């Protein structure tokens, strides 16, 4: 029959071996979790990095759509429009004068 001290030594030895095995498994699990966390962090970092590009593309799209409503005529544009309006006004005046001359010449005369 084994003595009490031999049983305690055996139990202690078994517990020590089990603890070493548990510690080894715990280290493996921690390393695995670290690896997965780093991979996830890399994915999240990639997603975060792509957000500014998406925002930039969206902002450019919005600006492009709104630009027409936000554009103001420049001084040169206004001068060009003014010149065209004056030219058309002169043509309209000539047409009106031509109609007045025709009506003054008499209703019986037609050209």
PDB file of N, CA and C in Angstrom:
ATOM      1  N   UNK A   1       0.837  -1.153   0.000  1.00  0.00           N
ATOM      2  CA  UNK A   1       0.000   0.000   0.000  1.00  0.00           C
ATOM      3  C   UNK A   1       0.899   1.239   0.000  1.00  0.00           C
ATOM      4  N   UNK A   2       0.481   2.243  -0.753  1.00  0.00           N
ATOM      5  CA  UNK A   2       1.293   3.443  -0.874  1.00  0.00           C
ATOM      6  C   UNK A   2       1.074   4.324   0.332  1.00  0.00           C
ATOM      7  N   UNK A   3       2.113   4.986   0.671  1.00  0.00           N
ATOM      8  CA  UNK A   3       2.023   5.886   1.820  1.00  0.00           C
ATOM      9  C   UNK A   3       1.343   7.179   1.398  1.00  0.00           C
ATOM     10  N   UNK A   4       0.967   7.920   2.382  1.00  0.00           N
ATOM     11  CA  UNK A   4       0.260   9.179   2.149  1.00  0.00           C
ATOM     12  C   UNK A   4       1.152  10.125   1.359  1.00  0.00           C
ATOM     13  N   UNK A   5       2.409  10.211   1.657  1.00  0.00           N
ATOM     14  CA  UNK A   5       3.310  11.129   0.962  1.00  0.00           C
ATOM     15  C   UNK A   5       3.452  10.736  -0.507  1.00  0.00           C
ATOM     16  N   UNK A   6       3.457   9.418  -0.814  1.00  0.00           N
ATOM     17  CA  UNK A   6       3.543   8.980  -2.202  1.00  0.00           C
ATOM     18  C   UNK A   6       2.272   9.348  -2.959  1.00  0.00           C
ATOM     19  N   UNK A   7       1.139   9.219  -2.298  1.00  0.00           N
ATOM     20  CA  UNK A   7      -0.132   9.593  -2.932  1.00  0.00           C
ATOM     21  C   UNK A   7      -0.171  11.098  -3.196  1.00  0.00           C
ATOM     22  N   UNK A   8       0.314  11.876  -2.206  1.00  0.00           N
ATOM     23  CA  UNK A   8       0.324  13.339  -2.379  1.00  0.00           C
ATOM     24  C   UNK A   8       1.262  13.704  -3.519  1.00  0.00           C
ATOM     25  N   UNK A   9       2.444  13.053  -3.570  1.00  0.00           N
ATOM     26  CA  UNK A   9       3.382  13.316  -4.665  1.00  0.00           C
ATOM     27  C   UNK A   9       2.770  12.955  -6.011  1.00  0.00           C
ATOM     28  N   UNK A  10       2.130  11.851  -6.093  1.00  0.00           N
ATOM     29  CA  UNK A  10       1.487  11.418  -7.339  1.00  0.00           C
ATOM     30  C   UNK A  10       0.387  12.384  -7.756  1.00  0.00           C
ATOM     31  N   UNK A  11      -0.426  12.781  -6.806  1.00  0.00           N
ATOM     32  CA  UNK A  11      -1.513  13.718  -7.090  1.00  0.00           C
ATOM     33  C   UNK A  11      -0.945  15.069  -7.513  1.00  0.00           C
ATOM     34  N   UNK A  12       0.093  15.508  -6.806  1.00  0.00           N
ATOM     35  CA  UNK A  12       0.727  16.787  -7.132  1.00  0.00           C
ATOM     36  C   UNK A  12       1.339  16.728  -8.519  1.00  0.00           C
ATOM     37  N   UNK A  13       1.987  15.640  -8.843  1.00  0.00           N
ATOM     38  CA  UNK A  13       2.613  15.456 -10.156  1.00  0.00           C
ATOM     39  C   UNK A  13       1.555  15.457 -11.250  1.00  0.00           C
ATOM     40  N   UNK A  14       0.471  14.757 -11.023  1.00  0.00           N
ATOM     41  CA  UNK A  14      -0.625  14.717 -12.000  1.00  0.00           C
ATOM     42  C   UNK A  14      -1.230  16.113 -12.180  1.00  0.00           C
ATOM     43  N   UNK A  15      -1.451  16.805 -11.091  1.00  0.00           N
ATOM     44  CA  UNK A  15      -2.011  18.155 -11.152  1.00  0.00           C
ATOM     45  C   UNK A  15      -1.070  19.089 -11.895  1.00  0.00           C
ATOM     46  N   UNK A  16       0.241  18.928 -11.651  1.00  0.00           N
ATOM     47  CA  UNK A  16       1.245  19.757 -12.315  1.00  0.00           C
ATOM     48  C   UNK A  16       1.226  19.502 -13.821  1.00  0.00           C
ATOM     49  N   UNK A  17       1.115  18.247 -14.226  1.00  0.00           N
ATOM     50  CA  UNK A  17       1.062  17.900 -15.643  1.00  0.00           C
ATOM     51  C   UNK A  17      -0.211  18.451 -16.289  1.00  0.00           C
ATOM     52  N   UNK A  18      -1.325  18.312 -15.576  1.00  0.00           N
ATOM     53  CA  UNK A  18      -2.586  18.831 -16.104  1.00  0.00           C
ATOM     54  C   UNK A  18      -2.532  20.361 -16.237  1.00  0.00           C
ATOM     55  N   UNK A  19      -1.930  21.006 -15.249  1.00  0.00           N
ATOM     56  CA  UNK A  19      -1.802  22.460 -15.288  1.00  0.00           C
ATOM     57  C   UNK A  19      -0.920  22.881 -16.456  1.00  0.00           C
ATOM     58  N   UNK A  20       0.167  22.165 -16.705  1.00  0.00           N
ATOM     59  CA  UNK A  20       1.053  22.467 -17.831  1.00  0.00           C
ATOM     60  C   UNK A  20       0.296  22.299 -19.147  1.00  0.00           C
ATOM     61  N   UNK A  21      -0.484  21.233 -19.263  1.00  0.00           N
ATOM     62  CA  UNK A  21      -1.291  21.016 -20.469  1.00  0.00           C
ATOM     63  C   UNK A  21      -2.334  22.107 -20.640  1.00  0.00           C
ATOM     64  N   UNK A  22      -2.949  22.491 -19.538  1.00  0.00           N
ATOM     65  CA  UNK A  22      -3.947  23.568 -19.585  1.00  0.00           C
ATOM     66  C   UNK A  22      -3.292  24.869 -20.006  1.00  0.00           C
ATOM     67  N   UNK A  23      -2.113  25.156 -19.455  1.00  0.00           N
ATOM     68  CA  UNK A  23      -1.399  26.384 -19.784  1.00  0.00           C
ATOM     69  C   UNK A  23      -1.034  26.405 -21.269  1.00  0.00           C
ATOM     70  N   UNK A  24      -0.579  25.267 -21.781  1.00  0.00           N
ATOM     71  CA  UNK A  24      -0.218  25.173 -23.201  1.00  0.00           C
ATOM     72  C   UNK A  24      -1.434  25.435 -24.086  1.00  0.00           C
ATOM     73  N   UNK A  25      -2.579  24.833 -23.728  1.00  0.00           N
ATOM     74  CA  UNK A  25      -3.812  25.064 -24.493  1.00  0.00           C
ATOM     75  C   UNK A  25      -4.253  26.522 -24.403  1.00  0.00           C
ATOM     76  N   UNK A  26      -4.116  27.110 -23.218  1.00  0.00           N
ATOM     77  CA  UNK A  26      -4.501  28.507 -23.037  1.00  0.00           C
ATOM     78  C   UNK A  26      -3.638  29.414 -23.907  1.00  0.00           C
ATOM     79  N   UNK A  27      -2.334  29.160 -23.950  1.00  0.00           N
ATOM     80  CA  UNK A  27      -1.420  29.952 -24.782  1.00  0.00           C
ATOM     81  C   UNK A  27      -1.800  29.808 -26.254  1.00  0.00           C
ATOM     82  N   UNK A  28      -2.114  28.591 -26.692  1.00  0.00           N
ATOM     83  CA  UNK A  28      -2.518  28.368 -28.078  1.00  0.00           C
ATOM     84  C   UNK A  28      -3.804  29.137 -28.400  1.00  0.00           C
ATOM     85  N   UNK A  29      -4.768  29.106 -27.480  1.00  0.00           N
ATOM     86  CA  UNK A  29      -6.028  29.815 -27.692  1.00  0.00           C
ATOM     87  C   UNK A  29      -5.798  31.327 -27.766  1.00  0.00           C
ATOM     88  N   UNK A  30      -4.950  31.845 -26.878  1.00  0.00           N
ATOM     89  CA  UNK A  30      -4.650  33.284 -26.885  1.00  0.00           C
ATOM     90  C   UNK A  30      -3.974  33.669 -28.198  1.00  0.00           C
ATOM     91  N   UNK A  31      -3.011  32.852 -28.658  1.00  0.00           N
ATOM     92  CA  UNK A  31      -2.340  33.127 -29.926  1.00  0.00           C
ATOM     93  C   UNK A  31      -3.332  33.103 -31.087  1.00  0.00           C
ATOM     94  N   UNK A  32      -4.252  32.137 -31.077  1.00  0.00           N
ATOM     95  CA  UNK A  32      -5.271  32.042 -32.115  1.00  0.00           C
ATOM     96  C   UNK A  32      -6.184  33.273 -32.086  1.00  0.00           C
ATOM     97  N   UNK A  33      -6.588  33.680 -30.892  1.00  0.00           N
ATOM     98  CA  UNK A  33      -7.442  34.864 -30.767  1.00  0.00           C
ATOM     99  C   UNK A  33      -6.704  36.122 -31.227  1.00  0.00           C
ATOM    100  N   UNK A  34      -5.413  36.227 -30.901  1.00  0.00           N
ATOM    101  CA  UNK A  34      -4.623  37.367 -31.353  1.00  0.00           C
ATOM    102  C   UNK A  34      -4.557  37.412 -32.879  1.00  0.00           C
ATOM    103  N   UNK A  35      -4.349  36.247 -33.472  1.00  0.00           N
ATOM    104  CA  UNK A  35      -4.272  36.162 -34.934  1.00  0.00           C
ATOM    105  C   UNK A  35      -5.600  36.595 -35.569  1.00  0.00           C
ATOM    106  N   UNK A  36      -6.699  36.088 -35.025  1.00  0.00           N
ATOM    107  CA  UNK A  36      -8.019  36.457 -35.557  1.00  0.00           C
ATOM    108  C   UNK A  36      -8.295  37.938 -35.345  1.00  0.00           C
ATOM    109  N   UNK A  37      -7.879  38.470 -34.186  1.00  0.00           N
ATOM    110  CA  UNK A  37      -8.093  39.888 -33.900  1.00  0.00           C
ATOM    111  C   UNK A  37      -7.298  40.754 -34.882  1.00  0.00           C
ATOM    112  N   UNK A  38      -6.052  40.346 -35.175  1.00  0.00           N
ATOM    113  CA  UNK A  38      -5.238  41.101 -36.127  1.00  0.00           C
ATOM    114  C   UNK A  38      -5.854  41.063 -37.522  1.00  0.00           C
ATOM    115  N   UNK A  39      -6.361  39.906 -37.929  1.00  0.00           N
ATOM    116  CA  UNK A  39      -7.015  39.796 -39.237  1.00  0.00           C
ATOM    117  C   UNK A  39      -8.247  40.692 -39.293  1.00  0.00           C
ATOM    118  N   UNK A  40      -9.046  40.644 -38.229  1.00  0.00           N
ATOM    119  CA  UNK A  40     -10.249  41.479 -38.177  1.00  0.00           C
ATOM    120  C   UNK A  40      -9.875  42.948 -38.187  1.00  0.00           C
ATOM    121  N   UNK A  41      -8.830  43.297 -37.457  1.00  0.00           N
ATOM    122  CA  UNK A  41      -8.371  44.678 -37.424  1.00  0.00           C
ATOM    123  C   UNK A  41      -7.926  45.123 -38.805  1.00  0.00           C
ATOM    124  N   UNK A  42      -7.239  44.230 -39.516  1.00  0.00           N
ATOM    125  CA  UNK A  42      -6.824  44.550 -40.883  1.00  0.00           C
ATOM    126  C   UNK A  42      -8.019  44.782 -41.789  1.00  0.00           C
ATOM    127  N   UNK A  43      -9.050  43.956 -41.653  1.00  0.00           N
ATOM    128  CA  UNK A  43     -10.259  44.120 -42.461  1.00  0.00           C
ATOM    129  C   UNK A  43     -10.963  45.426 -42.121  1.00  0.00           C
ATOM    130  N   UNK A  44     -11.081  45.709 -40.828  1.00  0.00           N
ATOM    131  CA  UNK A  44     -11.742  46.949 -40.397  1.00  0.00           C
ATOM    132  C   UNK A  44     -10.952  48.153 -40.874  1.00  0.00           C
ATOM    133  N   UNK A  45      -9.628  48.071 -40.751  1.00  0.00           N
ATOM    134  CA  UNK A  45      -8.777  49.169 -41.205  1.00  0.00           C
ATOM    135  C   UNK A  45      -8.978  49.402 -42.700  1.00  0.00           C
ATOM    136  N   UNK A  46      -9.068  48.316 -43.471  1.00  0.00           N
ATOM    137  CA  UNK A  46      -9.312  48.440 -44.909  1.00  0.00           C
ATOM    138  C   UNK A  46     -10.648  49.089 -45.199  1.00  0.00           C
ATOM    139  N   UNK A  47     -11.671  48.720 -44.442  1.00  0.00           N
ATOM    140  CA  UNK A  47     -12.985  49.321 -44.630  1.00  0.00           C
ATOM    141  C   UNK A  47     -12.959  50.797 -44.266  1.00  0.00           C
ATOM    142  N   UNK A  48     -12.267  51.124 -43.192  1.00  0.00           N
ATOM    143  CA  UNK A  48     -12.181  52.526 -42.771  1.00  0.00           C
ATOM    144  C   UNK A  48     -11.415  53.334 -43.805  1.00  0.00           C
ATOM    145  N   UNK A  49     -10.358  52.755 -44.370  1.00  0.00           N
ATOM    146  CA  UNK A  49      -9.589  53.459 -45.388  1.00  0.00           C
ATOM    147  C   UNK A  49     -10.405  53.700 -46.652  1.00  0.00           C
ATOM    148  N   UNK A  50     -11.327  52.797 -46.949  1.00  0.00           N
ATOM    149  CA  UNK A  50     -12.123  52.962 -48.160  1.00  0.00           C
ATOM    150  C   UNK A  50     -13.243  53.979 -47.982  1.00  0.00           C
ATOM    151  N   UNK A  51     -13.610  54.291 -46.758  1.00  0.00           N
ATOM    152  CA  UNK A  51     -14.699  55.247 -46.517  1.00  0.00           C
ATOM    153  C   UNK A  51     -14.375  56.630 -47.084  1.00  0.00           C
ATOM    154  N   UNK A  52     -13.168  57.197 -46.838  1.00  0.00           N
ATOM    155  CA  UNK A  52     -12.903  58.509 -47.435  1.00  0.00           C
ATOM    156  C   UNK A  52     -13.010  58.510 -48.952  1.00  0.00           C
ATOM    157  N   UNK A  53     -12.594  57.437 -49.606  1.00  0.00           N
ATOM    158  CA  UNK A  53     -12.713  57.360 -51.055  1.00  0.00           C
ATOM    159  C   UNK A  53     -14.179  57.354 -51.477  1.00  0.00           C
ATOM    160  N   UNK A  54     -15.012  56.606 -50.733  1.00  0.00           N
ATOM    161  CA  UNK A  54     -16.443  56.568 -51.034  1.00  0.00           C
ATOM    162  C   UNK A  54     -17.062  57.947 -50.829  1.00  0.00           C
ATOM    163  N   UNK A  55     -16.669  58.610 -49.734  1.00  0.00           N
ATOM    164  CA  UNK A  55     -17.198  59.942 -49.469  1.00  0.00           C
ATOM    165  C   UNK A  55     -16.762  60.924 -50.545  1.00  0.00           C
ATOM    166  N   UNK A  56     -15.510  60.809 -50.972  1.00  0.00           N
ATOM    167  CA  UNK A  56     -15.011  61.698 -52.012  1.00  0.00           C
ATOM    168  C   UNK A  56     -15.807  61.504 -53.297  1.00  0.00           C
ATOM    169  N   UNK A  57     -16.029  60.243 -53.673  1.00  0.00           N
ATOM    170  CA  UNK A  57     -16.808  59.956 -54.879  1.00  0.00           C
ATOM    171  C   UNK A  57     -18.237  60.452 -54.762  1.00  0.00           C
ATOM    172  N   UNK A  58     -18.836  60.261 -53.599  1.00  0.00           N
ATOM    173  CA  UNK A  58     -20.201  60.730 -53.373  1.00  0.00           C
ATOM    174  C   UNK A  58     -20.255  62.240 -53.420  1.00  0.00           C
ATOM    175  N   UNK A  59     -19.285  62.891 -52.771  1.00  0.00           N
ATOM    176  CA  UNK A  59     -19.266  64.360 -52.745  1.00  0.00           C
ATOM    177  C   UNK A  59     -19.112  64.908 -54.158  1.00  0.00           C
ATOM    178  N   UNK A  60     -18.220  64.315 -54.956  1.00  0.00           N
ATOM    179  CA  UNK A  60     -18.044  64.774 -56.330  1.00  0.00           C
ATOM    180  C   UNK A  60     -19.324  64.598 -57.128  1.00  0.00           C
ATOM    181  N   UNK A  61     -20.037  63.521 -56.879  1.00  0.00           N
ATOM    182  CA  UNK A  61     -21.305  63.288 -57.564  1.00  0.00           C
ATOM    183  C   UNK A  61     -22.334  64.350 -57.194  1.00  0.00           C
ATOM    184  N   UNK A  62     -22.417  64.649 -55.902  1.00  0.00           N
ATOM    185  CA  UNK A  62     -23.371  65.661 -55.437  1.00  0.00           C
ATOM    186  C   UNK A  62     -23.018  67.029 -56.019  1.00  0.00           C
ATOM    187  N   UNK A  63     -21.737  67.369 -55.985  1.00  0.00           N
ATOM    188  CA  UNK A  63     -21.305  68.657 -56.521  1.00  0.00           C
ATOM    189  C   UNK A  63     -21.621  68.738 -58.010  1.00  0.00           C
ATOM    190  N   UNK A  64     -21.386  67.649 -58.724  1.00  0.00           N
ATOM    191  CA  UNK A  64     -21.689  67.640 -60.153  1.00  0.00           C
ATOM    192  C   UNK A  64     -23.164  67.859 -60.434  1.00  0.00           C
ATOM    193  N   UNK A  65     -24.015  67.267 -59.618  1.00  0.00           N
ATOM    194  CA  UNK A  65     -25.463  67.420 -59.825  1.00  0.00           C
ATOM    195  C   UNK A  65     -25.945  68.830 -59.483  1.00  0.00           C
ATOM    196  N   UNK A  66     -25.348  69.399 -58.470  1.00  0.00           N
ATOM    197  CA  UNK A  66     -25.817  70.693 -57.978  1.00  0.00           C
ATOM    198  C   UNK A  66     -25.120  71.850 -58.682  1.00  0.00           C
ATOM    199  N   UNK A  67     -24.002  71.568 -59.336  1.00  0.00           N
ATOM    200  CA  UNK A  67     -23.194  72.633 -59.944  1.00  0.00           C
ATOM    201  C   UNK A  67     -24.024  73.520 -60.872  1.00  0.00           C
ATOM    202  N   UNK A  68     -24.885  72.914 -61.674  1.00  0.00           N
ATOM    203  CA  UNK A  68     -25.701  73.701 -62.597  1.00  0.00           C
ATOM    204  C   UNK A  68     -26.566  74.712 -61.874  1.00  0.00           C
ATOM    205  N   UNK A  69     -27.104  74.331 -60.745  1.00  0.00           N
ATOM    206  CA  UNK A  69     -27.952  75.252 -59.986  1.00  0.00           C
ATOM    207  C   UNK A  69     -27.127  76.291 -59.244  1.00  0.00           C
ATOM    208  N   UNK A  70     -25.892  75.960 -58.949  1.00  0.00           N
ATOM    209  CA  UNK A  70     -25.056  76.866 -58.173  1.00  0.00           C
ATOM    210  C   UNK A  70     -24.217  77.796 -59.034  1.00  0.00           C
ATOM    211  N   UNK A  71     -24.065  77.485 -60.315  1.00  0.00           N
ATOM    212  CA  UNK A  71     -23.245  78.334 -61.177  1.00  0.00           C
ATOM    213  C   UNK A  71     -23.896  79.693 -61.375  1.00  0.00           C
ATOM    214  N   UNK A  72     -23.065  80.707 -61.339  1.00  0.00           N
ATOM    215  CA  UNK A  72     -23.522  82.067 -61.582  1.00  0.00           C
ATOM    216  C   UNK A  72     -22.873  82.543 -62.874  1.00  0.00           C
ATOM    217  N   UNK A  73     -23.586  83.398 -63.572  1.00  0.00           N
ATOM    218  CA  UNK A  73     -23.050  83.919 -64.821  1.00  0.00           C
ATOM    219  C   UNK A  73     -21.898  84.868 -64.511  1.00  0.00           C
ATOM    220  N   UNK A  74     -20.840  84.749 -65.285  1.00  0.00           N
ATOM    221  CA  UNK A  74     -19.700  85.645 -65.109  1.00  0.00           C
ATOM    222  C   UNK A  74     -20.001  86.962 -65.823  1.00  0.00           C
ATOM    223  N   UNK A  75     -19.142  87.928 -65.602  1.00  0.00           N
ATOM    224  CA  UNK A  75     -19.310  89.227 -66.240  1.00  0.00           C
ATOM    225  C   UNK A  75     -19.242  89.081 -67.759  1.00  0.00           C
ATOM    226  N   UNK A  76     -18.334  88.231 -68.241  1.00  0.00           N
ATOM    227  CA  UNK A  76     -18.237  87.993 -69.686  1.00  0.00           C
ATOM    228  C   UNK A  76     -19.513  87.360 -70.236  1.00  0.00           C
ATOM    229  N   UNK A  77     -20.072  86.414 -69.485  1.00  0.00           N
ATOM    230  CA  UNK A  77     -21.323  85.777 -69.915  1.00  0.00           C
ATOM    231  C   UNK A  77     -22.438  86.801 -70.020  1.00  0.00           C
ATOM    232  N   UNK A  78     -22.514  87.691 -69.048  1.00  0.00           N
ATOM    233  CA  UNK A  78     -23.552  88.725 -69.068  1.00  0.00           C
ATOM    234  C   UNK A  78     -23.358  89.684 -70.241  1.00  0.00           C
ATOM    235  N   UNK A  79     -22.115  90.031 -70.556  1.00  0.00           N
ATOM    236  CA  UNK A  79     -21.847  90.914 -71.699  1.00  0.00           C
ATOM    237  C   UNK A  79     -22.261  90.253 -73.004  1.00  0.00           C
ATOM    238  N   UNK A  80     -21.992  88.941 -73.141  1.00  0.00           N
ATOM    239  CA  UNK A  80     -22.380  88.216 -74.352  1.00  0.00           C
ATOM    240  C   UNK A  80     -23.901  88.196 -74.502  1.00  0.00           C
ATOM    241  N   UNK A  81     -24.603  87.936 -73.403  1.00  0.00           N
ATOM    242  CA  UNK A  81     -26.067  87.905 -73.448  1.00  0.00           C
ATOM    243  C   UNK A  81     -26.604  89.298 -73.778  1.00  0.00           C
ATOM    244  N   UNK A  82     -26.008  90.322 -73.199  1.00  0.00           N
ATOM    245  CA  UNK A  82     -26.444  91.697 -73.456  1.00  0.00           C
ATOM    246  C   UNK A  82     -26.262  92.044 -74.930  1.00  0.00           C
ATOM    247  N   UNK A  83     -25.136  91.641 -75.531  1.00  0.00           N
ATOM    248  CA  UNK A  83     -24.886  91.909 -76.947  1.00  0.00           C
ATOM    249  C   UNK A  83     -25.928  91.200 -77.816  1.00  0.00           C
ATOM    250  N   UNK A  84     -26.253  89.962 -77.463  1.00  0.00           N
ATOM    251  CA  UNK A  84     -27.264  89.233 -78.240  1.00  0.00           C
ATOM    252  C   UNK A  84     -28.633  89.881 -78.121  1.00  0.00           C
ATOM    253  N   UNK A  85     -28.973  90.343 -76.916  1.00  0.00           N
ATOM    254  CA  UNK A  85     -30.270  90.998 -76.713  1.00  0.00           C
ATOM    255  C   UNK A  85     -30.330  92.292 -77.520  1.00  0.00           C
ATOM    256  N   UNK A  86     -29.244  93.068 -77.519  1.00  0.00           N
ATOM    257  CA  UNK A  86     -29.219  94.319 -78.304  1.00  0.00           C
ATOM    258  C   UNK A  86     -29.356  94.034 -79.793  1.00  0.00           C
ATOM    259  N   UNK A  87     -28.665  92.994 -80.272  1.00  0.00           N
ATOM    260  CA  UNK A  87     -28.746  92.616 -81.681  1.00  0.00           C
ATOM    261  C   UNK A  87     -30.174  92.215 -82.045  1.00  0.00           C
ATOM    262  N   UNK A  88     -30.799  91.412 -81.185  1.00  0.00           N
ATOM    263  CA  UNK A  88     -32.180  91.008 -81.456  1.00  0.00           C
ATOM    264  C   UNK A  88     -33.132  92.195 -81.371  1.00  0.00           C
ATOM    265  N   UNK A  89     -32.885  93.109 -80.461  1.00  0.00           N
ATOM    266  CA  UNK A  89     -33.736  94.301 -80.337  1.00  0.00           C
ATOM    267  C   UNK A  89     -33.673  95.126 -81.619  1.00  0.00           C
ATOM    268  N   UNK A  90     -32.480  95.288 -82.198  1.00  0.00           N
ATOM    269  CA  UNK A  90     -32.328  96.053 -83.446  1.00  0.00           C
ATOM    270  C   UNK A  90     -33.089  95.371 -84.582  1.00  0.00           C
ATOM    271  N   UNK A  91     -33.001  94.041 -84.638  1.00  0.00           N
ATOM    272  CA  UNK A  91     -33.720  93.320 -85.686  1.00  0.00           C
ATOM    273  C   UNK A  91     -35.226  93.483 -85.526  1.00  0.00           C
ATOM    274  N   UNK A  92     -35.697  93.417 -84.280  1.00  0.00           N
ATOM    275  CA  UNK A  92     -37.133  93.592 -84.038  1.00  0.00           C
ATOM    276  C   UNK A  92     -37.562  95.001 -84.433  1.00  0.00           C
ATOM    277  N   UNK A  93     -36.748  96.003 -84.110  1.00  0.00           N
ATOM    278  CA  UNK A  93     -37.080  97.387 -84.490  1.00  0.00           C
ATOM    279  C   UNK A  93     -37.167  97.539 -86.005  1.00  0.00           C
ATOM    280  N   UNK A  94     -36.252  96.924 -86.747  1.00  0.00           N
ATOM    281  CA  UNK A  94     -36.289  96.982 -88.213  1.00  0.00           C
ATOM    282  C   UNK A  94     -37.572  96.353 -88.737  1.00  0.00           C
ATOM    283  N   UNK A  95     -37.941  95.209 -88.149  1.00  0.00           N
ATOM    284  CA  UNK A  95     -39.175  94.551 -88.585  1.00  0.00           C
ATOM    285  C   UNK A  95     -40.387  95.412 -88.293  1.00  0.00           C
ATOM    286  N   UNK A  96     -40.408  96.047 -87.124  1.00  0.00           N
ATOM    287  CA  UNK A  96     -41.538  96.903 -86.759  1.00  0.00           C
ATOM    288  C   UNK A  96     -41.597  98.101 -87.702  1.00  0.00           C
ATOM    289  N   UNK A  97     -40.446  98.722 -87.977  1.00  0.00           N
ATOM    290  CA  UNK A  97     -40.420  99.852 -88.918  1.00  0.00           C
ATOM    291  C   UNK A  97     -40.887  99.424 -90.298  1.00  0.00           C
ATOM    292  N   UNK A  98     -40.472  98.240 -90.716  1.00  0.00           N
ATOM    293  CA  UNK A  98     -40.895  97.741 -92.030  1.00  0.00           C
ATOM    294  C   UNK A  98     -42.399  97.555 -92.081  1.00  0.00           C
ATOM    295  N   UNK A  99     -43.009  97.052 -91.012  1.00  0.00           N
ATOM    296  CA  UNK A  99     -44.460  96.892 -90.972  1.00  0.00           C
ATOM    297  C   UNK A  99     -45.151  98.245 -90.981  1.00  0.00           C
ATOM    298  N   UNK A 100     -44.592  99.249 -90.280  1.00  0.00           N
ATOM    299  CA  UNK A 100     -45.182 100.594 -90.240  1.00  0.00           C
ATOM    300  C   UNK A 100     -45.134 101.225 -91.613  1.00  0.00           C
ATOM    301  N   UNK A 101     -44.011 101.028 -92.332  1.00  0.00           N
ATOM    302  CA  UNK A 101     -43.879 101.599 -93.677  1.00  0.00           C
ATOM    303  C   UNK A 101     -44.880 100.959 -94.604  1.00  0.00           C
ATOM    304  N   UNK A 102     -45.050  99.677 -94.517  1.00  0.00           N
ATOM    305  CA  UNK A 102     -46.018  98.961 -95.362  1.00  0.00           C
ATOM    306  C   UNK A 102     -47.433  99.433 -95.054  1.00  0.00           C
ATOM    307  N   UNK A 103     -47.737  99.614 -93.776  1.00  0.00           N
ATOM    308  CA  UNK A 103     -49.099 100.043 -93.436  1.00  0.00           C
ATOM    309  C   UNK A 103     -49.316 101.498 -93.807  1.00  0.00           C
ATOM    310  N   UNK A 104     -48.268 102.308 -93.775  1.00  0.00           N
ATOM    311  CA  UNK A 104     -48.395 103.720 -94.158  1.00  0.00           C
ATOM    312  C   UNK A 104     -48.539 103.866 -95.668  1.00  0.00           C
ATOM    313  N   UNK A 105     -47.972 102.951 -96.425  1.00  0.00           N
ATOM    314  CA  UNK A 105     -48.035 103.018 -97.867  1.00  0.00           C
ATOM    315  C   UNK A 105     -49.468 102.755 -98.348  1.00  0.00           C
ATOM    316  N   UNK A 106     -50.238 102.166 -97.518  1.00  0.00           N
ATOM    317  CA  UNK A 106     -51.607 101.971 -97.899  1.00  0.00           C
ATOM    318  C   UNK A 106     -51.982 100.508 -97.870  1.00  0.00           C
ATOM    319  N   UNK A 107     -53.293 100.276 -97.630  1.00  0.00           N
ATOM    320  CA  UNK A 107     -53.723  98.898 -97.552  1.00  0.00           C
ATOM    321  C   UNK A 107     -53.805  98.227 -98.900  1.00  0.00           C
ATOM    322  N   UNK A 108     -53.904  98.965 -99.946  1.00  0.00           N
ATOM    323  CA  UNK A 108     -54.046  98.367-101.254  1.00  0.00           C
ATOM    324  C   UNK A 108     -52.724  97.929-101.843  1.00  0.00           C
ATOM    325  N   UNK A 109     -51.667  98.522-101.386  1.00  0.00           N
ATOM    326  CA  UNK A 109     -50.358  98.202-101.971  1.00  0.00           C
ATOM    327  C   UNK A 109     -49.720  97.063-101.175  1.00  0.00           C
ATOM    328  N   UNK A 110     -49.296  96.066-101.939  1.00  0.00           N
ATOM    329  CA  UNK A 110     -48.595  94.968-101.336  1.00  0.00           C
ATOM    330  C   UNK A 110     -47.323  94.736-102.114  1.00  0.00           C
ATOM    331  N   UNK A 111     -46.296  94.393-101.451  1.00  0.00           N
ATOM    332  CA  UNK A 111     -45.046  94.182-102.156  1.00  0.00           C
ATOM    333  C   UNK A 111     -44.902  92.782-102.618  1.00  0.00           C
TER     334      UNK A 111
END
